[in-house]
Amino acid sequence: MIFKSLYIQVILRVILILLNALVFSWVLVSTRNWYSIASLGALLILQSWLLVRYLSRTNRIMGDFIQ
């Protein structure tokens, strides 16, 4: 059950990162609204950092469980 939750969380976060990257690239090409570009870029960096943090925390918890 825990692995299913982990799997769903990772898939959901990756899908959201991909959607954000698509919107970011579309806004970058179609308009020159620098506020939107900066906001979407910052959101993309934040989402990536949160995914790495989530996986690191999960790996640490699993490592503690195994030991």
Protein backbone atom coordinates (compact mmCIF):
# COMPACT_ATOMS: atom_id res chain seq x y z
CA MET A 1 0.00 0.00 0.00
CA ILE A 2 2.86 2.38 0.77
CA PHE A 3 4.48 1.67 -2.60
CA LYS A 4 1.20 2.39 -4.38
CA SER A 5 0.98 5.76 -2.65
CA LEU A 6 4.60 6.52 -3.56
CA TYR A 7 3.95 5.53 -7.16
CA ILE A 8 0.85 7.74 -7.40
CA GLN A 9 2.66 10.71 -5.83
CA VAL A 10 5.62 10.45 -8.20
CA ILE A 11 3.45 10.00 -11.30
CA LEU A 12 1.24 12.95 -10.31
CA ARG A 13 4.21 15.22 -9.66
CA VAL A 14 5.92 14.27 -12.92
CA ILE A 15 2.73 14.92 -14.90
CA LEU A 16 2.37 18.34 -13.28
CA ILE A 17 6.02 19.16 -14.02
CA LEU A 18 5.53 18.15 -17.67
CA LEU A 19 2.37 20.24 -17.98
CA ASN A 20 4.13 23.21 -16.45
CA ALA A 21 7.09 22.75 -18.81
CA LEU A 22 4.74 22.67 -21.82
CA VAL A 23 2.93 25.83 -20.72
CA PHE A 24 6.27 27.49 -19.95
CA SER A 25 7.63 26.73 -23.41
CA TRP A 26 4.40 27.85 -25.09
CA VAL A 27 4.41 31.16 -23.20
CA LEU A 28 8.11 31.62 -23.94
CA VAL A 29 7.56 31.20 -27.68
CA SER A 30 4.18 32.91 -28.12
CA THR A 31 4.45 35.99 -25.91
CA ARG A 32 7.06 38.15 -24.32
CA ASN A 33 5.26 38.59 -21.02
CA TRP A 34 8.30 38.41 -18.76
CA TYR A 35 6.26 38.19 -15.56
CA SER A 36 4.50 35.03 -16.76
CA ILE A 37 7.75 33.53 -18.01
CA ALA A 38 9.50 34.21 -14.70
CA SER A 39 6.56 32.89 -12.67
CA LEU A 40 6.28 29.68 -14.66
CA GLY A 41 10.05 29.19 -14.58
CA ALA A 42 10.12 29.65 -10.82
CA LEU A 43 7.19 27.26 -10.45
CA LEU A 44 9.00 24.67 -12.58
CA ILE A 45 12.12 24.94 -10.41
CA LEU A 46 10.01 24.72 -7.24
CA GLN A 47 8.13 21.65 -8.47
CA SER A 48 11.38 19.90 -9.38
CA TRP A 49 12.92 20.72 -6.01
CA LEU A 50 9.81 19.47 -4.17
CA LEU A 51 9.92 16.18 -6.13
CA VAL A 52 13.57 15.63 -5.26
CA ARG A 53 12.89 16.51 -1.62
CA TYR A 54 9.93 14.10 -1.47
CA LEU A 55 11.95 11.24 -2.95
CA SER A 56 14.91 11.93 -0.65
CA ARG A 57 12.64 11.94 2.40
CA THR A 58 10.97 8.72 1.26
CA ASN A 59 14.33 7.03 0.68
CA ARG A 60 15.53 8.13 4.12
CA ILE A 61 12.39 6.72 5.76
CA MET A 62 12.75 3.43 3.89
CA GLY A 63 16.42 3.24 4.80
CA ASP A 64 15.64 3.75 8.46
CA PHE A 65 12.93 1.09 8.24
CA ILE A 66 15.32 -1.45 6.72
CA GLN A 67 18.06 -0.90 9.32
